[in-house]
N, C-alpha and C. Protein backbone atom coordinates (compact mmCIF):
# COMPACT_ATOMS: atom_id res chain seq x y z
N UNK A 1 -7.88 13.92 -38.42
CA UNK A 1 -6.96 14.32 -37.37
C UNK A 1 -7.73 14.97 -36.22
N UNK A 2 -8.78 15.76 -36.55
CA UNK A 2 -9.58 16.40 -35.50
C UNK A 2 -10.23 15.36 -34.62
N UNK A 3 -10.69 14.28 -35.24
CA UNK A 3 -11.38 13.24 -34.48
C UNK A 3 -10.44 12.54 -33.50
N UNK A 4 -9.20 12.35 -33.92
CA UNK A 4 -8.22 11.70 -33.04
C UNK A 4 -7.92 12.59 -31.84
N UNK A 5 -7.75 13.88 -32.08
CA UNK A 5 -7.46 14.82 -31.00
C UNK A 5 -8.66 14.91 -30.05
N UNK A 6 -9.86 14.99 -30.59
CA UNK A 6 -11.05 15.06 -29.74
C UNK A 6 -11.22 13.78 -28.92
N UNK A 7 -11.00 12.64 -29.54
CA UNK A 7 -11.12 11.38 -28.81
C UNK A 7 -10.09 11.30 -27.68
N UNK A 8 -8.88 11.76 -27.93
CA UNK A 8 -7.84 11.76 -26.91
C UNK A 8 -8.21 12.68 -25.76
N UNK A 9 -8.70 13.86 -26.07
CA UNK A 9 -9.09 14.81 -25.04
C UNK A 9 -10.24 14.25 -24.21
N UNK A 10 -11.22 13.66 -24.85
CA UNK A 10 -12.35 13.07 -24.13
C UNK A 10 -11.89 11.93 -23.23
N UNK A 11 -10.97 11.11 -23.74
CA UNK A 11 -10.45 10.00 -22.93
C UNK A 11 -9.71 10.52 -21.70
N UNK A 12 -8.92 11.58 -21.88
CA UNK A 12 -8.19 12.16 -20.75
C UNK A 12 -9.14 12.78 -19.73
N UNK A 13 -10.17 13.44 -20.19
CA UNK A 13 -11.15 14.05 -19.28
C UNK A 13 -11.87 12.98 -18.49
N UNK A 14 -12.29 11.92 -19.16
CA UNK A 14 -12.99 10.84 -18.46
C UNK A 14 -12.07 10.13 -17.47
N UNK A 15 -10.82 9.93 -17.85
CA UNK A 15 -9.86 9.30 -16.94
C UNK A 15 -9.63 10.18 -15.72
N UNK A 16 -9.51 11.48 -15.92
CA UNK A 16 -9.33 12.39 -14.79
C UNK A 16 -10.54 12.41 -13.88
N UNK A 17 -11.72 12.36 -14.46
CA UNK A 17 -12.94 12.36 -13.64
C UNK A 17 -13.04 11.08 -12.82
N UNK A 18 -12.71 9.95 -13.41
CA UNK A 18 -12.75 8.69 -12.68
C UNK A 18 -11.69 8.67 -11.58
N UNK A 19 -10.50 9.18 -11.87
CA UNK A 19 -9.43 9.21 -10.87
C UNK A 19 -9.79 10.12 -9.71
N UNK A 20 -10.41 11.25 -10.00
CA UNK A 20 -10.82 12.17 -8.94
C UNK A 20 -11.89 11.55 -8.07
N UNK A 21 -12.85 10.89 -8.69
CA UNK A 21 -13.91 10.24 -7.92
C UNK A 21 -13.34 9.13 -7.06
N UNK A 22 -12.43 8.36 -7.62
CA UNK A 22 -11.82 7.26 -6.87
C UNK A 22 -10.98 7.80 -5.71
N UNK A 23 -10.25 8.87 -5.92
CA UNK A 23 -9.40 9.44 -4.87
C UNK A 23 -10.25 10.02 -3.75
N UNK A 24 -11.37 10.66 -4.08
CA UNK A 24 -12.20 11.24 -3.04
C UNK A 24 -12.91 10.17 -2.23
N UNK A 25 -13.28 9.07 -2.87
CA UNK A 25 -13.93 7.99 -2.11
C UNK A 25 -12.90 7.23 -1.28
N UNK A 26 -11.66 7.16 -1.73
CA UNK A 26 -10.63 6.46 -0.97
C UNK A 26 -10.21 7.26 0.26
N UNK A 27 -10.32 8.58 0.21
CA UNK A 27 -9.89 9.39 1.34
C UNK A 27 -10.88 9.33 2.51
N UNK A 28 -12.09 8.85 2.28
CA UNK A 28 -13.07 8.76 3.36
C UNK A 28 -12.92 7.48 4.17
N UNK A 29 -12.16 6.53 3.69
CA UNK A 29 -11.98 5.26 4.40
C UNK A 29 -10.96 5.44 5.52
N UNK A 30 -11.17 4.72 6.61
CA UNK A 30 -10.25 4.77 7.73
C UNK A 30 -9.13 3.75 7.51
N UNK A 31 -7.91 4.20 7.67
CA UNK A 31 -6.76 3.33 7.47
C UNK A 31 -6.17 3.01 8.83
N UNK A 32 -6.04 1.73 9.14
CA UNK A 32 -5.44 1.30 10.40
C UNK A 32 -3.94 1.23 10.22
N UNK A 33 -3.21 1.94 11.07
CA UNK A 33 -1.75 1.95 10.98
C UNK A 33 -1.22 0.95 12.00
N UNK A 34 -0.32 0.11 11.55
CA UNK A 34 0.26 -0.89 12.44
C UNK A 34 1.19 -0.20 13.44
N UNK A 35 1.06 -0.59 14.69
CA UNK A 35 1.90 -0.02 15.74
C UNK A 35 3.20 -0.81 15.80
N UNK A 36 4.30 -0.10 15.69
CA UNK A 36 5.59 -0.77 15.77
C UNK A 36 5.98 -0.92 17.23
N UNK A 37 6.54 -2.04 17.55
CA UNK A 37 6.89 -2.35 18.91
C UNK A 37 8.37 -2.11 19.14
N UNK A 38 8.72 -1.76 20.37
CA UNK A 38 10.12 -1.58 20.73
C UNK A 38 10.78 -2.90 21.05
N UNK A 39 9.98 -3.93 21.26
CA UNK A 39 10.53 -5.24 21.58
C UNK A 39 11.01 -5.93 20.31
N UNK A 40 12.17 -6.57 20.35
CA UNK A 40 12.65 -7.28 19.16
C UNK A 40 11.82 -8.53 18.90
N UNK A 41 11.70 -8.88 17.67
CA UNK A 41 10.95 -10.06 17.29
C UNK A 41 11.93 -11.23 17.21
N UNK A 42 11.72 -12.29 17.99
CA UNK A 42 12.66 -13.41 17.95
C UNK A 42 12.56 -14.17 16.63
N UNK A 43 13.72 -14.51 16.09
CA UNK A 43 13.74 -15.25 14.84
C UNK A 43 14.33 -16.64 15.04
N UNK A 44 14.79 -16.94 16.25
CA UNK A 44 15.35 -18.25 16.54
C UNK A 44 14.27 -19.14 17.14
N UNK A 45 14.48 -20.44 17.05
CA UNK A 45 13.51 -21.39 17.61
C UNK A 45 13.52 -21.28 19.13
N UNK A 46 12.36 -21.06 19.77
CA UNK A 46 12.34 -20.89 21.22
C UNK A 46 12.61 -22.16 22.00
N UNK A 47 12.41 -23.33 21.38
CA UNK A 47 12.62 -24.59 22.09
C UNK A 47 14.01 -25.19 21.86
N UNK A 48 14.86 -24.50 21.12
CA UNK A 48 16.22 -24.99 20.85
C UNK A 48 17.20 -24.23 21.73
N UNK A 49 17.89 -24.89 22.68
CA UNK A 49 18.79 -24.18 23.59
C UNK A 49 20.02 -23.62 22.88
N UNK A 50 20.38 -24.14 21.70
CA UNK A 50 21.55 -23.65 20.98
C UNK A 50 21.17 -22.72 19.84
N UNK A 51 19.94 -22.28 19.78
CA UNK A 51 19.50 -21.43 18.68
C UNK A 51 20.20 -20.08 18.76
N UNK A 52 20.66 -19.61 17.65
CA UNK A 52 21.32 -18.31 17.52
C UNK A 52 22.56 -18.19 18.41
N UNK A 53 23.11 -19.30 18.85
CA UNK A 53 24.32 -19.25 19.66
C UNK A 53 24.09 -18.79 21.08
N UNK A 54 22.86 -18.90 21.60
CA UNK A 54 22.54 -18.43 22.95
C UNK A 54 22.93 -19.45 24.01
N UNK A 55 23.15 -20.71 23.64
CA UNK A 55 23.44 -21.75 24.61
C UNK A 55 24.92 -21.94 24.90
N UNK A 56 25.75 -21.04 24.49
CA UNK A 56 27.20 -21.19 24.66
C UNK A 56 27.62 -20.93 26.08
């Protein structure tokens, strides 16, 4: 039983160390944030005069 508890504790410590290392290396990377536009994105075909009911 002692061996199972020790193995579990060691596994948790190693997992925490790997997660901490991964998190610290991930925080140094630059993340590009997409700029949202105020202009609507057209979803109708631009070459169809009756698209989306605009040709009425």
